Amino acid sequence: GSAPMGPDGDPLAVLDAQLKVRGVDGLRVIDCSAMPAIPS
């Protein structure tokens, strides 16, 4: 969760639903950092 996905209105959402980093083209995060909540 250090670079999580989130909805457009969330100021702490680093990634969109396609794992793309907001504000930078051509960049995605594809590891556990992207998880918006920890799996059980």
PDB file of all heavy atoms in Angstrom:
ATOM      1  N   GLY A   1       0.754  -1.243   0.000  1.00  0.00           N
ATOM      2  CA  GLY A   1       0.000   0.000   0.000  1.00  0.00           C
ATOM      3  C   GLY A   1       0.783   1.290   0.000  1.00  0.00           C
ATOM      4  O   GLY A   1       0.220   2.347   0.278  1.00  0.00           O
ATOM      5  N   SER A   2       2.069   1.277  -0.356  1.00  0.00           N
ATOM      6  CA  SER A   2       2.840   2.529  -0.331  1.00  0.00           C
ATOM      7  C   SER A   2       2.637   3.373  -1.589  1.00  0.00           C
ATOM      8  O   SER A   2       3.110   4.510  -1.653  1.00  0.00           O
ATOM      9  CB  SER A   2       4.327   2.230  -0.151  1.00  0.00           C
ATOM     10  OG  SER A   2       4.826   1.468  -1.232  1.00  0.00           O
ATOM     11  N   ALA A   3       1.931   2.827  -2.588  1.00  0.00           N
ATOM     12  CA  ALA A   3       1.571   3.600  -3.788  1.00  0.00           C
ATOM     13  C   ALA A   3       0.249   3.044  -4.309  1.00  0.00           C
ATOM     14  O   ALA A   3       0.194   2.436  -5.375  1.00  0.00           O
ATOM     15  CB  ALA A   3       2.661   3.499  -4.856  1.00  0.00           C
ATOM     16  N   PRO A   4      -0.827   3.232  -3.558  1.00  0.00           N
ATOM     17  CA  PRO A   4      -2.056   2.472  -3.817  1.00  0.00           C
ATOM     18  C   PRO A   4      -2.894   2.979  -4.976  1.00  0.00           C
ATOM     19  O   PRO A   4      -2.871   4.153  -5.333  1.00  0.00           O
ATOM     20  CB  PRO A   4      -2.823   2.627  -2.498  1.00  0.00           C
ATOM     21  CG  PRO A   4      -2.393   3.971  -1.984  1.00  0.00           C
ATOM     22  CD  PRO A   4      -0.949   4.081  -2.368  1.00  0.00           C
ATOM     23  N   MET A   5      -3.668   2.044  -5.525  1.00  0.00           N
ATOM     24  CA  MET A   5      -4.751   2.409  -6.433  1.00  0.00           C
ATOM     25  C   MET A   5      -5.832   3.140  -5.643  1.00  0.00           C
ATOM     26  O   MET A   5      -5.960   2.954  -4.427  1.00  0.00           O
ATOM     27  CB  MET A   5      -5.375   1.153  -7.052  1.00  0.00           C
ATOM     28  CG  MET A   5      -4.518   0.405  -8.014  1.00  0.00           C
ATOM     29  SD  MET A   5      -5.444  -0.968  -8.792  1.00  0.00           S
ATOM     30  CE  MET A   5      -5.487  -2.180  -7.458  1.00  0.00           C
ATOM     31  N   GLY A   6      -6.636   3.910  -6.353  1.00  0.00           N
ATOM     32  CA  GLY A   6      -7.750   4.585  -5.707  1.00  0.00           C
ATOM     33  C   GLY A   6      -8.578   5.348  -6.713  1.00  0.00           C
ATOM     34  O   GLY A   6      -8.157   5.553  -7.866  1.00  0.00           O
ATOM     35  N   PRO A   7      -9.770   5.800  -6.305  1.00  0.00           N
ATOM     36  CA  PRO A   7     -10.650   6.545  -7.223  1.00  0.00           C
ATOM     37  C   PRO A   7     -10.110   7.934  -7.505  1.00  0.00           C
ATOM     38  O   PRO A   7      -9.256   8.468  -6.781  1.00  0.00           O
ATOM     39  CB  PRO A   7     -11.977   6.599  -6.444  1.00  0.00           C
ATOM     40  CG  PRO A   7     -11.571   6.510  -5.004  1.00  0.00           C
ATOM     41  CD  PRO A   7     -10.368   5.615  -4.966  1.00  0.00           C
ATOM     42  N   ASP A   8     -10.631   8.543  -8.533  1.00  0.00           N
ATOM     43  CA  ASP A   8     -10.145   9.849  -8.970  1.00  0.00           C
ATOM     44  C   ASP A   8     -10.245  10.911  -7.881  1.00  0.00           C
ATOM     45  O   ASP A   8      -9.406  11.808  -7.802  1.00  0.00           O
ATOM     46  CB  ASP A   8     -10.909  10.313 -10.208  1.00  0.00           C
ATOM     47  CG  ASP A   8     -10.573   9.481 -11.441  1.00  0.00           C
ATOM     48  OD1 ASP A   8      -9.516   8.820 -11.426  1.00  0.00           O
ATOM     49  OD2 ASP A   8     -11.366   9.477 -12.400  1.00  0.00           O
ATOM     50  N   GLY A   9     -11.245  10.826  -7.024  1.00  0.00           N
ATOM     51  CA  GLY A   9     -11.443  11.861  -6.026  1.00  0.00           C
ATOM     52  C   GLY A   9     -10.609  11.699  -4.774  1.00  0.00           C
ATOM     53  O   GLY A   9     -10.668  12.545  -3.873  1.00  0.00           O
ATOM     54  N   ASP A  10      -9.815  10.671  -4.689  1.00  0.00           N
ATOM     55  CA  ASP A  10      -9.016  10.404  -3.493  1.00  0.00           C
ATOM     56  C   ASP A  10      -7.659  11.076  -3.631  1.00  0.00           C
ATOM     57  O   ASP A  10      -6.848  10.683  -4.474  1.00  0.00           O
ATOM     58  CB  ASP A  10      -8.850   8.896  -3.305  1.00  0.00           C
ATOM     59  CG  ASP A  10      -8.098   8.526  -2.032  1.00  0.00           C
ATOM     60  OD1 ASP A  10      -7.564   9.437  -1.368  1.00  0.00           O
ATOM     61  OD2 ASP A  10      -8.040   7.330  -1.708  1.00  0.00           O
ATOM     62  N   PRO A  11      -7.351  12.068  -2.807  1.00  0.00           N
ATOM     63  CA  PRO A  11      -6.068  12.783  -2.947  1.00  0.00           C
ATOM     64  C   PRO A  11      -4.855  11.920  -2.628  1.00  0.00           C
ATOM     65  O   PRO A  11      -3.743  12.287  -3.003  1.00  0.00           O
ATOM     66  CB  PRO A  11      -6.200  13.942  -1.956  1.00  0.00           C
ATOM     67  CG  PRO A  11      -7.215  13.472  -0.949  1.00  0.00           C
ATOM     68  CD  PRO A  11      -8.178  12.630  -1.724  1.00  0.00           C
ATOM     69  N   LEU A  12      -5.054  10.783  -1.919  1.00  0.00           N
ATOM     70  CA  LEU A  12      -3.933   9.904  -1.580  1.00  0.00           C
ATOM     71  C   LEU A  12      -3.825   8.711  -2.518  1.00  0.00           C
ATOM     72  O   LEU A  12      -2.993   7.822  -2.298  1.00  0.00           O
ATOM     73  CB  LEU A  12      -4.062   9.425  -0.130  1.00  0.00           C
ATOM     74  CG  LEU A  12      -3.980  10.514   0.948  1.00  0.00           C
ATOM     75  CD1 LEU A  12      -4.051   9.889   2.336  1.00  0.00           C
ATOM     76  CD2 LEU A  12      -2.698  11.330   0.807  1.00  0.00           C
ATOM     77  N   ALA A  13      -4.649   8.674  -3.563  1.00  0.00           N
ATOM     78  CA  ALA A  13      -4.571   7.595  -4.544  1.00  0.00           C
ATOM     79  C   ALA A  13      -3.447   7.898  -5.532  1.00  0.00           C
ATOM     80  O   ALA A  13      -3.516   8.864  -6.294  1.00  0.00           O
ATOM     81  CB  ALA A  13      -5.897   7.433  -5.276  1.00  0.00           C
ATOM     82  N   VAL A  14      -2.425   7.060  -5.514  1.00  0.00           N
ATOM     83  CA  VAL A  14      -1.264   7.271  -6.381  1.00  0.00           C
ATOM     84  C   VAL A  14      -1.527   6.737  -7.780  1.00  0.00           C
ATOM     85  O   VAL A  14      -1.090   7.315  -8.776  1.00  0.00           O
ATOM     86  CB  VAL A  14      -0.023   6.591  -5.770  1.00  0.00           C
ATOM     87  CG1 VAL A  14       1.189   6.718  -6.695  1.00  0.00           C
ATOM     88  CG2 VAL A  14       0.286   7.190  -4.403  1.00  0.00           C
ATOM     89  N   LEU A  15      -2.267   5.628  -7.856  1.00  0.00           N
ATOM     90  CA  LEU A  15      -2.512   4.945  -9.123  1.00  0.00           C
ATOM     91  C   LEU A  15      -3.991   4.966  -9.467  1.00  0.00           C
ATOM     92  O   LEU A  15      -4.850   5.000  -8.582  1.00  0.00           O
ATOM     93  CB  LEU A  15      -2.057   3.481  -9.037  1.00  0.00           C
ATOM     94  CG  LEU A  15      -0.676   3.182  -8.458  1.00  0.00           C
ATOM     95  CD1 LEU A  15      -0.448   1.673  -8.413  1.00  0.00           C
ATOM     96  CD2 LEU A  15       0.414   3.868  -9.260  1.00  0.00           C
ATOM     97  N   ASP A  16      -4.283   4.866 -10.758  1.00  0.00           N
ATOM     98  CA  ASP A  16      -5.667   4.650 -11.173  1.00  0.00           C
ATOM     99  C   ASP A  16      -5.931   3.149 -11.261  1.00  0.00           C
ATOM    100  O   ASP A  16      -5.077   2.327 -10.901  1.00  0.00           O
ATOM    101  CB  ASP A  16      -5.961   5.365 -12.494  1.00  0.00           C
ATOM    102  CG  ASP A  16      -5.155   4.826 -13.673  1.00  0.00           C
ATOM    103  OD1 ASP A  16      -4.575   3.720 -13.581  1.00  0.00           O
ATOM    104  OD2 ASP A  16      -5.092   5.519 -14.712  1.00  0.00           O
ATOM    105  N   ALA A  17      -7.083   2.769 -11.738  1.00  0.00           N
ATOM    106  CA  ALA A  17      -7.464   1.357 -11.765  1.00  0.00           C
ATOM    107  C   ALA A  17      -6.649   0.548 -12.758  1.00  0.00           C
ATOM    108  O   ALA A  17      -6.688  -0.691 -12.725  1.00  0.00           O
ATOM    109  CB  ALA A  17      -8.955   1.220 -12.083  1.00  0.00           C
ATOM    110  N   GLN A  18      -5.922   1.204 -13.653  1.00  0.00           N
ATOM    111  CA  GLN A  18      -5.033   0.515 -14.598  1.00  0.00           C
ATOM    112  C   GLN A  18      -3.594   0.476 -14.095  1.00  0.00           C
ATOM    113  O   GLN A  18      -2.680   0.154 -14.860  1.00  0.00           O
ATOM    114  CB  GLN A  18      -5.087   1.199 -15.974  1.00  0.00           C
ATOM    115  CG  GLN A  18      -6.373   0.933 -16.748  1.00  0.00           C
ATOM    116  CD  GLN A  18      -7.555   1.699 -16.172  1.00  0.00           C
ATOM    117  OE1 GLN A  18      -7.440   2.896 -15.883  1.00  0.00           O
ATOM    118  NE2 GLN A  18      -8.677   1.024 -15.984  1.00  0.00           N
ATOM    119  N   LEU A  19      -3.399   0.818 -12.830  1.00  0.00           N
ATOM    120  CA  LEU A  19      -2.081   0.816 -12.184  1.00  0.00           C
ATOM    121  C   LEU A  19      -1.155   1.909 -12.704  1.00  0.00           C
ATOM    122  O   LEU A  19       0.053   1.882 -12.459  1.00  0.00           O
ATOM    123  CB  LEU A  19      -1.397  -0.553 -12.321  1.00  0.00           C
ATOM    124  CG  LEU A  19      -2.171  -1.748 -11.763  1.00  0.00           C
ATOM    125  CD1 LEU A  19      -1.464  -3.057 -12.140  1.00  0.00           C
ATOM    126  CD2 LEU A  19      -2.297  -1.647 -10.244  1.00  0.00           C
ATOM    127  N   LYS A  20      -1.705   2.881 -13.403  1.00  0.00           N
ATOM    128  CA  LYS A  20      -0.913   3.975 -13.941  1.00  0.00           C
ATOM    129  C   LYS A  20      -0.692   5.046 -12.884  1.00  0.00           C
ATOM    130  O   LYS A  20      -1.612   5.407 -12.143  1.00  0.00           O
ATOM    131  CB  LYS A  20      -1.603   4.589 -15.157  1.00  0.00           C
ATOM    132  CG  LYS A  20      -1.717   3.637 -16.337  1.00  0.00           C
ATOM    133  CD  LYS A  20      -2.441   4.285 -17.512  1.00  0.00           C
ATOM    134  CE  LYS A  20      -2.536   3.343 -18.705  1.00  0.00           C
ATOM    135  NZ  LYS A  20      -3.257   3.961 -19.846  1.00  0.00           N
ATOM    136  N   VAL A  21       0.534   5.552 -12.810  1.00  0.00           N
ATOM    137  CA  VAL A  21       0.867   6.614 -11.865  1.00  0.00           C
ATOM    138  C   VAL A  21       0.246   7.920 -12.345  1.00  0.00           C
ATOM    139  O   VAL A  21       0.447   8.335 -13.493  1.00  0.00           O
ATOM    140  CB  VAL A  21       2.393   6.768 -11.732  1.00  0.00           C
ATOM    141  CG1 VAL A  21       2.736   7.948 -10.828  1.00  0.00           C
ATOM    142  CG2 VAL A  21       3.009   5.487 -11.192  1.00  0.00           C
ATOM    143  N   ARG A  22      -0.505   8.536 -11.480  1.00  0.00           N
ATOM    144  CA  ARG A  22      -1.163   9.788 -11.843  1.00  0.00           C
ATOM    145  C   ARG A  22      -0.127  10.892 -12.062  1.00  0.00           C
ATOM    146  O   ARG A  22       0.806  11.048 -11.281  1.00  0.00           O
ATOM    147  CB  ARG A  22      -2.138  10.199 -10.746  1.00  0.00           C
ATOM    148  CG  ARG A  22      -3.396   9.334 -10.710  1.00  0.00           C
ATOM    149  CD  ARG A  22      -4.374   9.830  -9.651  1.00  0.00           C
ATOM    150  NE  ARG A  22      -5.730   9.395  -9.951  1.00  0.00           N
ATOM    151  CZ  ARG A  22      -6.269   8.250  -9.548  1.00  0.00           C
ATOM    152  NH1 ARG A  22      -5.535   7.407  -8.831  1.00  0.00           N
ATOM    153  NH2 ARG A  22      -7.510   7.930  -9.869  1.00  0.00           N
ATOM    154  N   GLY A  23      -0.307  11.622 -13.140  1.00  0.00           N
ATOM    155  CA  GLY A  23       0.550  12.769 -13.418  1.00  0.00           C
ATOM    156  C   GLY A  23       1.809  12.458 -14.187  1.00  0.00           C
ATOM    157  O   GLY A  23       2.554  13.379 -14.537  1.00  0.00           O
ATOM    158  N   VAL A  24       2.067  11.170 -14.463  1.00  0.00           N
ATOM    159  CA  VAL A  24       3.250  10.783 -15.244  1.00  0.00           C
ATOM    160  C   VAL A  24       2.814   9.746 -16.269  1.00  0.00           C
ATOM    161  O   VAL A  24       2.270   8.704 -15.902  1.00  0.00           O
ATOM    162  CB  VAL A  24       4.368  10.200 -14.352  1.00  0.00           C
ATOM    163  CG1 VAL A  24       5.581   9.825 -15.198  1.00  0.00           C
ATOM    164  CG2 VAL A  24       4.765  11.188 -13.268  1.00  0.00           C
ATOM    165  N   ASP A  25       3.046  10.005 -17.526  1.00  0.00           N
ATOM    166  CA  ASP A  25       2.697   9.039 -18.559  1.00  0.00           C
ATOM    167  C   ASP A  25       3.731   7.911 -18.614  1.00  0.00           C
ATOM    168  O   ASP A  25       4.899   8.093 -18.248  1.00  0.00           O
ATOM    169  CB  ASP A  25       2.634   9.727 -19.932  1.00  0.00           C
ATOM    170  CG  ASP A  25       1.487  10.719 -20.039  1.00  0.00           C
ATOM    171  OD1 ASP A  25       0.483  10.538 -19.333  1.00  0.00           O
ATOM    172  OD2 ASP A  25       1.613  11.687 -20.820  1.00  0.00           O
ATOM    173  N   GLY A  26       3.302   6.748 -19.079  1.00  0.00           N
ATOM    174  CA  GLY A  26       4.232   5.656 -19.330  1.00  0.00           C
ATOM    175  C   GLY A  26       4.808   5.011 -18.088  1.00  0.00           C
ATOM    176  O   GLY A  26       5.877   4.387 -18.164  1.00  0.00           O
ATOM    177  N   LEU A  27       4.126   5.120 -16.946  1.00  0.00           N
ATOM    178  CA  LEU A  27       4.665   4.593 -15.690  1.00  0.00           C
ATOM    179  C   LEU A  27       3.560   3.881 -14.913  1.00  0.00           C
ATOM    180  O   LEU A  27       2.482   4.450 -14.682  1.00  0.00           O
ATOM    181  CB  LEU A  27       5.240   5.734 -14.852  1.00  0.00           C
ATOM    182  CG  LEU A  27       5.879   5.362 -13.510  1.00  0.00           C
ATOM    183  CD1 LEU A  27       7.101   4.464 -13.723  1.00  0.00           C
ATOM    184  CD2 LEU A  27       6.281   6.615 -12.741  1.00  0.00           C
ATOM    185  N   ARG A  28       3.842   2.645 -14.530  1.00  0.00           N
ATOM    186  CA  ARG A  28       2.904   1.877 -13.694  1.00  0.00           C
ATOM    187  C   ARG A  28       3.653   1.258 -12.520  1.00  0.00           C
ATOM    188  O   ARG A  28       4.842   0.984 -12.602  1.00  0.00           O
ATOM    189  CB  ARG A  28       2.230   0.749 -14.491  1.00  0.00           C
ATOM    190  CG  ARG A  28       1.435   1.192 -15.675  1.00  0.00           C
ATOM    191  CD  ARG A  28       0.641   0.057 -16.272  1.00  0.00           C
ATOM    192  NE  ARG A  28       0.400   0.272 -17.689  1.00  0.00           N
ATOM    193  CZ  ARG A  28      -0.769   0.129 -18.305  1.00  0.00           C
ATOM    194  NH1 ARG A  28      -1.829  -0.257 -17.628  1.00  0.00           N
ATOM    195  NH2 ARG A  28      -0.875   0.343 -19.605  1.00  0.00           N
ATOM    196  N   VAL A  29       2.903   0.984 -11.460  1.00  0.00           N
ATOM    197  CA  VAL A  29       3.400   0.220 -10.319  1.00  0.00           C
ATOM    198  C   VAL A  29       2.648  -1.102 -10.311  1.00  0.00           C
ATOM    199  O   VAL A  29       1.416  -1.123 -10.391  1.00  0.00           O
ATOM    200  CB  VAL A  29       3.187   0.974  -8.994  1.00  0.00           C
ATOM    201  CG1 VAL A  29       3.579   0.100  -7.806  1.00  0.00           C
ATOM    202  CG2 VAL A  29       3.986   2.266  -8.993  1.00  0.00           C
ATOM    203  N   ILE A  30       3.399  -2.226 -10.208  1.00  0.00           N
ATOM    204  CA  ILE A  30       2.756  -3.537 -10.385  1.00  0.00           C
ATOM    205  C   ILE A  30       3.047  -4.492  -9.230  1.00  0.00           C
ATOM    206  O   ILE A  30       2.842  -5.695  -9.370  1.00  0.00           O
ATOM    207  CB  ILE A  30       3.194  -4.184 -11.715  1.00  0.00           C
ATOM    208  CG1 ILE A  30       4.714  -4.423 -11.741  1.00  0.00           C
ATOM    209  CG2 ILE A  30       2.762  -3.325 -12.905  1.00  0.00           C
ATOM    210  CD1 ILE A  30       5.173  -5.294 -12.901  1.00  0.00           C
ATOM    211  N   ASP A  31       3.508  -3.977  -8.088  1.00  0.00           N
ATOM    212  CA  ASP A  31       3.796  -4.866  -6.962  1.00  0.00           C
ATOM    213  C   ASP A  31       2.839  -4.595  -5.808  1.00  0.00           C
ATOM    214  O   ASP A  31       1.801  -3.932  -5.978  1.00  0.00           O
ATOM    215  CB  ASP A  31       5.261  -4.743  -6.537  1.00  0.00           C
ATOM    216  CG  ASP A  31       5.616  -3.352  -6.010  1.00  0.00           C
ATOM    217  OD1 ASP A  31       4.709  -2.500  -5.887  1.00  0.00           O
ATOM    218  OD2 ASP A  31       6.806  -3.117  -5.715  1.00  0.00           O
ATOM    219  N   CYS A  32       3.163  -5.097  -4.600  1.00  0.00           N
ATOM    220  CA  CYS A  32       2.281  -4.941  -3.448  1.00  0.00           C
ATOM    221  C   CYS A  32       2.015  -3.484  -3.094  1.00  0.00           C
ATOM    222  O   CYS A  32       1.021  -3.184  -2.423  1.00  0.00           O
ATOM    223  CB  CYS A  32       2.874  -5.657  -2.233  1.00  0.00           C
ATOM    224  SG  CYS A  32       2.696  -7.451  -2.247  1.00  0.00           S
ATOM    225  N   SER A  33       2.880  -2.585  -3.518  1.00  0.00           N
ATOM    226  CA  SER A  33       2.666  -1.163  -3.259  1.00  0.00           C
ATOM    227  C   SER A  33       1.327  -0.695  -3.803  1.00  0.00           C
ATOM    228  O   SER A  33       0.722   0.232  -3.258  1.00  0.00           O
ATOM    229  CB  SER A  33       3.779  -0.335  -3.904  1.00  0.00           C
ATOM    230  OG  SER A  33       5.046  -0.840  -3.607  1.00  0.00           O
ATOM    231  N   ALA A  34       0.862  -1.328  -4.874  1.00  0.00           N
ATOM    232  CA  ALA A  34      -0.349  -0.888  -5.556  1.00  0.00           C
ATOM    233  C   ALA A  34      -1.633  -1.283  -4.837  1.00  0.00           C
ATOM    234  O   ALA A  34      -2.706  -0.758  -5.144  1.00  0.00           O
ATOM    235  CB  ALA A  34      -0.374  -1.464  -6.972  1.00  0.00           C
ATOM    236  N   MET A  35      -1.543  -2.186  -3.875  1.00  0.00           N
ATOM    237  CA  MET A  35      -2.747  -2.706  -3.220  1.00  0.00           C
ATOM    238  C   MET A  35      -3.388  -1.622  -2.361  1.00  0.00           C
ATOM    239  O   MET A  35      -2.751  -1.064  -1.480  1.00  0.00           O
ATOM    240  CB  MET A  35      -2.394  -3.918  -2.375  1.00  0.00           C
ATOM    241  CG  MET A  35      -1.898  -5.100  -3.191  1.00  0.00           C
ATOM    242  SD  MET A  35      -1.442  -6.498  -2.130  1.00  0.00           S
ATOM    243  CE  MET A  35      -0.984  -7.719  -3.399  1.00  0.00           C
ATOM    244  N   PRO A  36      -4.681  -1.345  -2.560  1.00  0.00           N
ATOM    245  CA  PRO A  36      -5.342  -0.307  -1.766  1.00  0.00           C
ATOM    246  C   PRO A  36      -5.697  -0.754  -0.357  1.00  0.00           C
ATOM    247  O   PRO A  36      -5.954   0.084   0.508  1.00  0.00           O
ATOM    248  CB  PRO A  36      -6.605   0.007  -2.574  1.00  0.00           C
ATOM    249  CG  PRO A  36      -6.892  -1.264  -3.319  1.00  0.00           C
ATOM    250  CD  PRO A  36      -5.552  -1.870  -3.625  1.00  0.00           C
ATOM    251  N   ALA A  37      -5.730  -2.062  -0.123  1.00  0.00           N
ATOM    252  CA  ALA A  37      -5.979  -2.623   1.205  1.00  0.00           C
ATOM    253  C   ALA A  37      -5.281  -3.967   1.277  1.00  0.00           C
ATOM    254  O   ALA A  37      -5.194  -4.692   0.284  1.00  0.00           O
ATOM    255  CB  ALA A  37      -7.477  -2.773   1.469  1.00  0.00           C
ATOM    256  N   ILE A  38      -4.791  -4.300   2.442  1.00  0.00           N
ATOM    257  CA  ILE A  38      -4.000  -5.517   2.587  1.00  0.00           C
ATOM    258  C   ILE A  38      -4.888  -6.749   2.466  1.00  0.00           C
ATOM    259  O   ILE A  38      -5.985  -6.793   3.039  1.00  0.00           O
ATOM    260  CB  ILE A  38      -3.239  -5.493   3.929  1.00  0.00           C
ATOM    261  CG1 ILE A  38      -2.131  -6.547   3.953  1.00  0.00           C
ATOM    262  CG2 ILE A  38      -4.185  -5.662   5.120  1.00  0.00           C
ATOM    263  CD1 ILE A  38      -1.135  -6.345   5.094  1.00  0.00           C
ATOM    264  N   PRO A  39      -4.484  -7.761   1.705  1.00  0.00           N
ATOM    265  CA  PRO A  39      -5.272  -8.997   1.627  1.00  0.00           C
ATOM    266  C   PRO A  39      -5.249  -9.737   2.961  1.00  0.00           C
ATOM    267  O   PRO A  39      -4.306  -9.614   3.747  1.00  0.00           O
ATOM    268  CB  PRO A  39      -4.557  -9.811   0.540  1.00  0.00           C
ATOM    269  CG  PRO A  39      -3.688  -8.839  -0.189  1.00  0.00           C
ATOM    270  CD  PRO A  39      -3.319  -7.789   0.810  1.00  0.00           C
ATOM    271  N   SER A  40      -6.274 -10.526   3.187  1.00  0.00           N
ATOM    272  CA  SER A  40      -6.407 -11.261   4.451  1.00  0.00           C
ATOM    273  C   SER A  40      -5.634 -12.574   4.389  1.00  0.00           C
ATOM    274  O   SER A  40      -6.212 -13.667   4.525  1.00  0.00           O
ATOM    275  CB  SER A  40      -7.882 -11.514   4.750  1.00  0.00           C
ATOM    276  OG  SER A  40      -8.603 -10.310   4.789  1.00  0.00           O
TER     277      SER A  40
END
